[in-house]
Amino acid sequence: MAEDRRELFKSLGFLSSVGISMVASILIGMAMGYYLDIWLGTTPWMLLIFLGFGIVSGFRNIFILTRRELKRQSTQDEDTHRDLP
């Protein structure tokens, strides 16, 4: 029961980090674009370009986090199977 709860919390932590990563990437891209638009007077082009960069960066982060989690789970499964008689 304790092991199931621990895995549940690990999964919830992973999912929350994916969501936070995506939102943070988009917001940072939007903020950079917005302030570049104000500075350069190019409204709304820099905002749109950096919004695109933020979205791409968010999906890249999701890909990296997911690959890392799958690798962790596969090594954990291998360790579990080794322990079985």
PDB file of N, CA and C in Angstrom:
ATOM      1  N   MET A   1       0.818  -1.201   0.000  1.00  0.00           N
ATOM      2  CA  MET A   1       0.000   0.000   0.000  1.00  0.00           C
ATOM      3  C   MET A   1       0.863   1.266   0.000  1.00  0.00           C
ATOM      4  N   ALA A   2       1.937   1.267   0.801  1.00  0.00           N
ATOM      5  CA  ALA A   2       2.816   2.439   0.861  1.00  0.00           C
ATOM      6  C   ALA A   2       3.536   2.638  -0.465  1.00  0.00           C
ATOM      7  N   GLU A   3       3.917   1.533  -1.120  1.00  0.00           N
ATOM      8  CA  GLU A   3       4.594   1.625  -2.415  1.00  0.00           C
ATOM      9  C   GLU A   3       3.652   2.194  -3.479  1.00  0.00           C
ATOM     10  N   ASP A   4       2.388   1.803  -3.449  1.00  0.00           N
ATOM     11  CA  ASP A   4       1.409   2.345  -4.397  1.00  0.00           C
ATOM     12  C   ASP A   4       1.217   3.839  -4.195  1.00  0.00           C
ATOM     13  N   ARG A   5       1.176   4.246  -2.953  1.00  0.00           N
ATOM     14  CA  ARG A   5       1.009   5.676  -2.645  1.00  0.00           C
ATOM     15  C   ARG A   5       2.232   6.469  -3.113  1.00  0.00           C
ATOM     16  N   ARG A   6       3.406   5.897  -2.924  1.00  0.00           N
ATOM     17  CA  ARG A   6       4.627   6.569  -3.359  1.00  0.00           C
ATOM     18  C   ARG A   6       4.638   6.737  -4.883  1.00  0.00           C
ATOM     19  N   GLU A   7       4.232   5.706  -5.607  1.00  0.00           N
ATOM     20  CA  GLU A   7       4.161   5.798  -7.064  1.00  0.00           C
ATOM     21  C   GLU A   7       3.115   6.811  -7.515  1.00  0.00           C
ATOM     22  N   LEU A   8       1.996   6.885  -6.781  1.00  0.00           N
ATOM     23  CA  LEU A   8       0.971   7.878  -7.091  1.00  0.00           C
ATOM     24  C   LEU A   8       1.527   9.289  -6.952  1.00  0.00           C
ATOM     25  N   PHE A   9       2.248   9.547  -5.873  1.00  0.00           N
ATOM     26  CA  PHE A   9       2.819  10.875  -5.666  1.00  0.00           C
ATOM     27  C   PHE A   9       3.904  11.188  -6.686  1.00  0.00           C
ATOM     28  N   LYS A  10       4.673  10.185  -7.084  1.00  0.00           N
ATOM     29  CA  LYS A  10       5.665  10.412  -8.143  1.00  0.00           C
ATOM     30  C   LYS A  10       4.978  10.772  -9.448  1.00  0.00           C
ATOM     31  N   SER A  11       3.898  10.088  -9.767  1.00  0.00           N
ATOM     32  CA  SER A  11       3.158  10.382 -10.995  1.00  0.00           C
ATOM     33  C   SER A  11       2.530  11.768 -10.949  1.00  0.00           C
ATOM     34  N   LEU A  12       1.965  12.129  -9.814  1.00  0.00           N
ATOM     35  CA  LEU A  12       1.387  13.466  -9.677  1.00  0.00           C
ATOM     36  C   LEU A  12       2.455  14.546  -9.776  1.00  0.00           C
ATOM     37  N   GLY A  13       3.608  14.298  -9.195  1.00  0.00           N
ATOM     38  CA  GLY A  13       4.714  15.245  -9.307  1.00  0.00           C
ATOM     39  C   GLY A  13       5.171  15.412 -10.738  1.00  0.00           C
ATOM     40  N   PHE A  14       5.243  14.300 -11.465  1.00  0.00           N
ATOM     41  CA  PHE A  14       5.636  14.363 -12.871  1.00  0.00           C
ATOM     42  C   PHE A  14       4.622  15.164 -13.679  1.00  0.00           C
ATOM     43  N   LEU A  15       3.348  14.884 -13.495  1.00  0.00           N
ATOM     44  CA  LEU A  15       2.315  15.589 -14.253  1.00  0.00           C
ATOM     45  C   LEU A  15       2.284  17.081 -13.935  1.00  0.00           C
ATOM     46  N   SER A  16       2.480  17.431 -12.672  1.00  0.00           N
ATOM     47  CA  SER A  16       2.480  18.846 -12.328  1.00  0.00           C
ATOM     48  C   SER A  16       3.708  19.545 -12.901  1.00  0.00           C
ATOM     49  N   SER A  17       4.853  18.864 -12.936  1.00  0.00           N
ATOM     50  CA  SER A  17       6.041  19.490 -13.514  1.00  0.00           C
ATOM     51  C   SER A  17       5.875  19.690 -15.022  1.00  0.00           C
ATOM     52  N   VAL A  18       5.171  18.776 -15.680  1.00  0.00           N
ATOM     53  CA  VAL A  18       4.904  18.937 -17.115  1.00  0.00           C
ATOM     54  C   VAL A  18       4.031  20.171 -17.343  1.00  0.00           C
ATOM     55  N   GLY A  19       2.983  20.313 -16.563  1.00  0.00           N
ATOM     56  CA  GLY A  19       2.086  21.465 -16.719  1.00  0.00           C
ATOM     57  C   GLY A  19       2.767  22.783 -16.418  1.00  0.00           C
ATOM     58  N   ILE A  20       3.530  22.814 -15.340  1.00  0.00           N
ATOM     59  CA  ILE A  20       4.229  24.042 -14.965  1.00  0.00           C
ATOM     60  C   ILE A  20       5.261  24.403 -16.025  1.00  0.00           C
ATOM     61  N   SER A  21       5.947  23.405 -16.552  1.00  0.00           N
ATOM     62  CA  SER A  21       6.960  23.643 -17.578  1.00  0.00           C
ATOM     63  C   SER A  21       6.343  24.260 -18.829  1.00  0.00           C
ATOM     64  N   MET A  22       5.208  23.739 -19.231  1.00  0.00           N
ATOM     65  CA  MET A  22       4.545  24.252 -20.433  1.00  0.00           C
ATOM     66  C   MET A  22       4.077  25.691 -20.228  1.00  0.00           C
ATOM     67  N   VAL A  23       3.408  25.950 -19.126  1.00  0.00           N
ATOM     68  CA  VAL A  23       2.889  27.293 -18.855  1.00  0.00           C
ATOM     69  C   VAL A  23       4.027  28.293 -18.695  1.00  0.00           C
ATOM     70  N   ALA A  24       5.076  27.913 -17.983  1.00  0.00           N
ATOM     71  CA  ALA A  24       6.202  28.827 -17.768  1.00  0.00           C
ATOM     72  C   ALA A  24       6.886  29.172 -19.082  1.00  0.00           C
ATOM     73  N   SER A  25       7.074  28.190 -19.945  1.00  0.00           N
ATOM     74  CA  SER A  25       7.720  28.449 -21.236  1.00  0.00           C
ATOM     75  C   SER A  25       6.907  29.432 -22.070  1.00  0.00           C
ATOM     76  N   ILE A  26       5.606  29.239 -22.105  1.00  0.00           N
ATOM     77  CA  ILE A  26       4.745  30.130 -22.889  1.00  0.00           C
ATOM     78  C   ILE A  26       4.746  31.542 -22.307  1.00  0.00           C
ATOM     79  N   LEU A  27       4.642  31.646 -20.985  1.00  0.00           N
ATOM     80  CA  LEU A  27       4.620  32.977 -20.365  1.00  0.00           C
ATOM     81  C   LEU A  27       5.935  33.716 -20.546  1.00  0.00           C
ATOM     82  N   ILE A  28       7.044  33.009 -20.435  1.00  0.00           N
ATOM     83  CA  ILE A  28       8.346  33.656 -20.633  1.00  0.00           C
ATOM     84  C   ILE A  28       8.480  34.138 -22.075  1.00  0.00           C
ATOM     85  N   GLY A  29       8.069  33.313 -23.027  1.00  0.00           N
ATOM     86  CA  GLY A  29       8.113  33.723 -24.430  1.00  0.00           C
ATOM     87  C   GLY A  29       7.238  34.927 -24.700  1.00  0.00           C
ATOM     88  N   MET A  30       6.036  34.919 -24.140  1.00  0.00           N
ATOM     89  CA  MET A  30       5.129  36.058 -24.331  1.00  0.00           C
ATOM     90  C   MET A  30       5.688  37.328 -23.712  1.00  0.00           C
ATOM     91  N   ALA A  31       6.267  37.224 -22.514  1.00  0.00           N
ATOM     92  CA  ALA A  31       6.824  38.405 -21.851  1.00  0.00           C
ATOM     93  C   ALA A  31       7.992  38.977 -22.648  1.00  0.00           C
ATOM     94  N   MET A  32       8.858  38.100 -23.139  1.00  0.00           N
ATOM     95  CA  MET A  32       9.985  38.584 -23.943  1.00  0.00           C
ATOM     96  C   MET A  32       9.489  39.286 -25.205  1.00  0.00           C
ATOM     97  N   GLY A  33       8.522  38.688 -25.880  1.00  0.00           N
ATOM     98  CA  GLY A  33       7.979  39.289 -27.089  1.00  0.00           C
ATOM     99  C   GLY A  33       7.293  40.611 -26.824  1.00  0.00           C
ATOM    100  N   TYR A  34       6.544  40.664 -25.740  1.00  0.00           N
ATOM    101  CA  TYR A  34       5.827  41.894 -25.388  1.00  0.00           C
ATOM    102  C   TYR A  34       6.798  43.049 -25.144  1.00  0.00           C
ATOM    103  N   TYR A  35       7.828  42.789 -24.339  1.00  0.00           N
ATOM    104  CA  TYR A  35       8.769  43.857 -24.026  1.00  0.00           C
ATOM    105  C   TYR A  35       9.642  44.222 -25.232  1.00  0.00           C
ATOM    106  N   LEU A  36       9.936  43.263 -26.084  1.00  0.00           N
ATOM    107  CA  LEU A  36      10.649  43.598 -27.318  1.00  0.00           C
ATOM    108  C   LEU A  36       9.764  44.443 -28.239  1.00  0.00           C
ATOM    109  N   ASP A  37       8.466  44.149 -28.272  1.00  0.00           N
ATOM    110  CA  ASP A  37       7.538  44.961 -29.064  1.00  0.00           C
ATOM    111  C   ASP A  37       7.499  46.395 -28.560  1.00  0.00           C
ATOM    112  N   ILE A  38       7.469  46.561 -27.258  1.00  0.00           N
ATOM    113  CA  ILE A  38       7.456  47.915 -26.694  1.00  0.00           C
ATOM    114  C   ILE A  38       8.755  48.635 -27.029  1.00  0.00           C
ATOM    115  N   TRP A  39       9.877  47.955 -26.871  1.00  0.00           N
ATOM    116  CA  TRP A  39      11.190  48.552 -27.086  1.00  0.00           C
ATOM    117  C   TRP A  39      11.434  48.879 -28.563  1.00  0.00           C
ATOM    118  N   LEU A  40      11.052  47.947 -29.448  1.00  0.00           N
ATOM    119  CA  LEU A  40      11.328  48.127 -30.873  1.00  0.00           C
ATOM    120  C   LEU A  40      10.166  48.742 -31.657  1.00  0.00           C
ATOM    121  N   GLY A  41       8.972  48.782 -31.060  1.00  0.00           N
ATOM    122  CA  GLY A  41       7.806  49.338 -31.737  1.00  0.00           C
ATOM    123  C   GLY A  41       7.310  48.453 -32.877  1.00  0.00           C
ATOM    124  N   THR A  42       7.360  47.158 -32.682  1.00  0.00           N
ATOM    125  CA  THR A  42       6.978  46.215 -33.734  1.00  0.00           C
ATOM    126  C   THR A  42       5.690  45.464 -33.408  1.00  0.00           C
ATOM    127  N   THR A  43       4.837  46.037 -32.612  1.00  0.00           N
ATOM    128  CA  THR A  43       3.620  45.366 -32.156  1.00  0.00           C
ATOM    129  C   THR A  43       2.856  44.765 -33.316  1.00  0.00           C
ATOM    130  N   PRO A  44       2.375  43.596 -33.296  1.00  0.00           N
ATOM    131  CA  PRO A  44       2.419  42.464 -32.361  1.00  0.00           C
ATOM    132  C   PRO A  44       3.410  41.377 -32.787  1.00  0.00           C
ATOM    133  N   TRP A  45       4.338  41.711 -33.699  1.00  0.00           N
ATOM    134  CA  TRP A  45       5.140  40.669 -34.343  1.00  0.00           C
ATOM    135  C   TRP A  45       6.078  39.947 -33.397  1.00  0.00           C
ATOM    136  N   MET A  46       6.801  40.653 -32.574  1.00  0.00           N
ATOM    137  CA  MET A  46       7.716  39.980 -31.641  1.00  0.00           C
ATOM    138  C   MET A  46       6.937  39.125 -30.644  1.00  0.00           C
ATOM    139  N   LEU A  47       5.787  39.609 -30.202  1.00  0.00           N
ATOM    140  CA  LEU A  47       4.953  38.828 -29.288  1.00  0.00           C
ATOM    141  C   LEU A  47       4.564  37.505 -29.936  1.00  0.00           C
ATOM    142  N   LEU A  48       4.136  37.552 -31.170  1.00  0.00           N
ATOM    143  CA  LEU A  48       3.725  36.322 -31.855  1.00  0.00           C
ATOM    144  C   LEU A  48       4.905  35.387 -32.111  1.00  0.00           C
ATOM    145  N   ILE A  49       6.038  35.948 -32.495  1.00  0.00           N
ATOM    146  CA  ILE A  49       7.219  35.116 -32.747  1.00  0.00           C
ATOM    147  C   ILE A  49       7.682  34.436 -31.466  1.00  0.00           C
ATOM    148  N   PHE A  50       7.780  35.202 -30.385  1.00  0.00           N
ATOM    149  CA  PHE A  50       8.263  34.625 -29.137  1.00  0.00           C
ATOM    150  C   PHE A  50       7.211  33.751 -28.461  1.00  0.00           C
ATOM    151  N   LEU A  51       5.940  33.989 -28.740  1.00  0.00           N
ATOM    152  CA  LEU A  51       4.905  33.062 -28.294  1.00  0.00           C
ATOM    153  C   LEU A  51       5.114  31.705 -28.968  1.00  0.00           C
ATOM    154  N   GLY A  52       5.413  31.722 -30.251  1.00  0.00           N
ATOM    155  CA  GLY A  52       5.725  30.481 -30.965  1.00  0.00           C
ATOM    156  C   GLY A  52       6.943  29.790 -30.387  1.00  0.00           C
ATOM    157  N   PHE A  53       7.994  30.575 -30.092  1.00  0.00           N
ATOM    158  CA  PHE A  53       9.179  29.990 -29.461  1.00  0.00           C
ATOM    159  C   PHE A  53       8.832  29.374 -28.105  1.00  0.00           C
ATOM    160  N   GLY A  54       7.979  30.046 -27.350  1.00  0.00           N
ATOM    161  CA  GLY A  54       7.579  29.529 -26.037  1.00  0.00           C
ATOM    162  C   GLY A  54       6.805  28.225 -26.149  1.00  0.00           C
ATOM    163  N   ILE A  55       5.923  28.140 -27.118  1.00  0.00           N
ATOM    164  CA  ILE A  55       5.143  26.918 -27.327  1.00  0.00           C
ATOM    165  C   ILE A  55       6.064  25.768 -27.734  1.00  0.00           C
ATOM    166  N   VAL A  56       6.970  26.043 -28.669  1.00  0.00           N
ATOM    167  CA  VAL A  56       7.922  25.008 -29.094  1.00  0.00           C
ATOM    168  C   VAL A  56       8.799  24.578 -27.921  1.00  0.00           C
ATOM    169  N   SER A  57       9.251  25.530 -27.149  1.00  0.00           N
ATOM    170  CA  SER A  57      10.081  25.219 -25.986  1.00  0.00           C
ATOM    171  C   SER A  57       9.306  24.394 -24.952  1.00  0.00           C
ATOM    172  N   GLY A  58       8.043  24.712 -24.762  1.00  0.00           N
ATOM    173  CA  GLY A  58       7.217  23.945 -23.829  1.00  0.00           C
ATOM    174  C   GLY A  58       7.055  22.499 -24.260  1.00  0.00           C
ATOM    175  N   PHE A  59       6.800  22.280 -25.548  1.00  0.00           N
ATOM    176  CA  PHE A  59       6.681  20.905 -26.032  1.00  0.00           C
ATOM    177  C   PHE A  59       8.016  20.169 -25.970  1.00  0.00           C
ATOM    178  N   ARG A  60       9.117  20.881 -26.190  1.00  0.00           N
ATOM    179  CA  ARG A  60      10.435  20.266 -26.061  1.00  0.00           C
ATOM    180  C   ARG A  60      10.671  19.830 -24.615  1.00  0.00           C
ATOM    181  N   ASN A  61      10.300  20.678 -23.680  1.00  0.00           N
ATOM    182  CA  ASN A  61      10.445  20.319 -22.267  1.00  0.00           C
ATOM    183  C   ASN A  61       9.586  19.110 -21.907  1.00  0.00           C
ATOM    184  N   ILE A  62       8.381  19.049 -22.437  1.00  0.00           N
ATOM    185  CA  ILE A  62       7.515  17.892 -22.194  1.00  0.00           C
ATOM    186  C   ILE A  62       8.164  16.632 -22.745  1.00  0.00           C
ATOM    187  N   PHE A  63       8.746  16.721 -23.939  1.00  0.00           N
ATOM    188  CA  PHE A  63       9.422  15.576 -24.539  1.00  0.00           C
ATOM    189  C   PHE A  63      10.584  15.114 -23.659  1.00  0.00           C
ATOM    190  N   ILE A  64      11.390  16.056 -23.177  1.00  0.00           N
ATOM    191  CA  ILE A  64      12.540  15.703 -22.342  1.00  0.00           C
ATOM    192  C   ILE A  64      12.084  15.096 -21.023  1.00  0.00           C
ATOM    193  N   LEU A  65      11.100  15.700 -20.374  1.00  0.00           N
ATOM    194  CA  LEU A  65      10.608  15.175 -19.100  1.00  0.00           C
ATOM    195  C   LEU A  65       9.988  13.787 -19.260  1.00  0.00           C
ATOM    196  N   THR A  66       9.230  13.599 -20.335  1.00  0.00           N
ATOM    197  CA  THR A  66       8.596  12.305 -20.570  1.00  0.00           C
ATOM    198  C   THR A  66       9.638  11.232 -20.845  1.00  0.00           C
ATOM    199  N   ARG A  67      10.638  11.553 -21.653  1.00  0.00           N
ATOM    200  CA  ARG A  67      11.699  10.585 -21.936  1.00  0.00           C
ATOM    201  C   ARG A  67      12.455  10.212 -20.665  1.00  0.00           C
ATOM    202  N   ARG A  68      12.731  11.203 -19.814  1.00  0.00           N
ATOM    203  CA  ARG A  68      13.422  10.943 -18.550  1.00  0.00           C
ATOM    204  C   ARG A  68      12.571  10.057 -17.638  1.00  0.00           C
ATOM    205  N   GLU A  69      11.279  10.314 -17.583  1.00  0.00           N
ATOM    206  CA  GLU A  69      10.385   9.523 -16.732  1.00  0.00           C
ATOM    207  C   GLU A  69      10.262   8.094 -17.247  1.00  0.00           C
ATOM    208  N   LEU A  70      10.153   7.921 -18.548  1.00  0.00           N
ATOM    209  CA  LEU A  70      10.074   6.567 -19.111  1.00  0.00           C
ATOM    210  C   LEU A  70      11.352   5.783 -18.858  1.00  0.00           C
ATOM    211  N   LYS A  71      12.493   6.467 -18.948  1.00  0.00           N
ATOM    212  CA  LYS A  71      13.769   5.813 -18.664  1.00  0.00           C
ATOM    213  C   LYS A  71      13.841   5.400 -17.199  1.00  0.00           C
ATOM    214  N   ARG A  72      13.374   6.269 -16.298  1.00  0.00           N
ATOM    215  CA  ARG A  72      13.369   5.950 -14.868  1.00  0.00           C
ATOM    216  C   ARG A  72      12.466   4.758 -14.584  1.00  0.00           C
ATOM    217  N   GLN A  73      11.307   4.728 -15.222  1.00  0.00           N
ATOM    218  CA  GLN A  73      10.383   3.619 -15.008  1.00  0.00           C
ATOM    219  C   GLN A  73      10.934   2.311 -15.555  1.00  0.00           C
ATOM    220  N   SER A  74      11.606   2.362 -16.695  1.00  0.00           N
ATOM    221  CA  SER A  74      12.142   1.123 -17.258  1.00  0.00           C
ATOM    222  C   SER A  74      13.273   0.575 -16.396  1.00  0.00           C
ATOM    223  N   THR A  75      14.125   1.449 -15.868  1.00  0.00           N
ATOM    224  CA  THR A  75      15.186   0.959 -14.984  1.00  0.00           C
ATOM    225  C   THR A  75      14.596   0.442 -13.676  1.00  0.00           C
ATOM    226  N   GLN A  76      13.531   1.070 -13.212  1.00  0.00           N
ATOM    227  CA  GLN A  76      12.879   0.607 -11.998  1.00  0.00           C
ATOM    228  C   GLN A  76      12.230  -0.757 -12.232  1.00  0.00           C
ATOM    229  N   ASP A  77      11.617  -0.963 -13.399  1.00  0.00           N
ATOM    230  CA  ASP A  77      11.027  -2.258 -13.730  1.00  0.00           C
ATOM    231  C   ASP A  77      12.085  -3.341 -13.838  1.00  0.00           C
ATOM    232  N   GLU A  78      13.236  -3.008 -14.430  1.00  0.00           N
ATOM    233  CA  GLU A  78      14.324  -3.981 -14.528  1.00  0.00           C
ATOM    234  C   GLU A  78      14.824  -4.375 -13.140  1.00  0.00           C
ATOM    235  N   ASP A  79      14.934  -3.389 -12.247  1.00  0.00           N
ATOM    236  CA  ASP A  79      15.372  -3.681 -10.873  1.00  0.00           C
ATOM    237  C   ASP A  79      14.348  -4.547 -10.147  1.00  0.00           C
ATOM    238  N   THR A  80      13.067  -4.313 -10.401  1.00  0.00           N
ATOM    239  CA  THR A  80      12.011  -5.089  -9.763  1.00  0.00           C
ATOM    240  C   THR A  80      12.049  -6.521 -10.255  1.00  0.00           C
ATOM    241  N   HIS A  81      12.267  -6.717 -11.560  1.00  0.00           N
ATOM    242  CA  HIS A  81      12.292  -8.071 -12.111  1.00  0.00           C
ATOM    243  C   HIS A  81      13.525  -8.847 -11.656  1.00  0.00           C
ATOM    244  N   ARG A  82      14.611  -8.162 -11.386  1.00  0.00           N
ATOM    245  CA  ARG A  82      15.810  -8.836 -10.885  1.00  0.00           C
ATOM    246  C   ARG A  82      15.586  -9.373  -9.477  1.00  0.00           C
ATOM    247  N   ASP A  83      14.791  -8.641  -8.691  1.00  0.00           N
ATOM    248  CA  ASP A  83      14.555  -9.035  -7.305  1.00  0.00           C
ATOM    249  C   ASP A  83      13.613 -10.215  -7.168  1.00  0.00           C
ATOM    250  N   LEU A  84      12.834 -10.509  -8.218  1.00  0.00           N
ATOM    251  CA  LEU A  84      11.886 -11.614  -8.156  1.00  0.00           C
ATOM    252  C   LEU A  84      12.620 -12.951  -8.213  1.00  0.00           C
ATOM    253  N   PRO A  85      12.108 -13.959  -7.465  1.00  0.00           N
ATOM    254  CA  PRO A  85      12.789 -15.273  -7.462  1.00  0.00           C
ATOM    255  C   PRO A  85      12.588 -16.014  -8.764  1.00  0.00           C
TER     256      PRO A  85
END
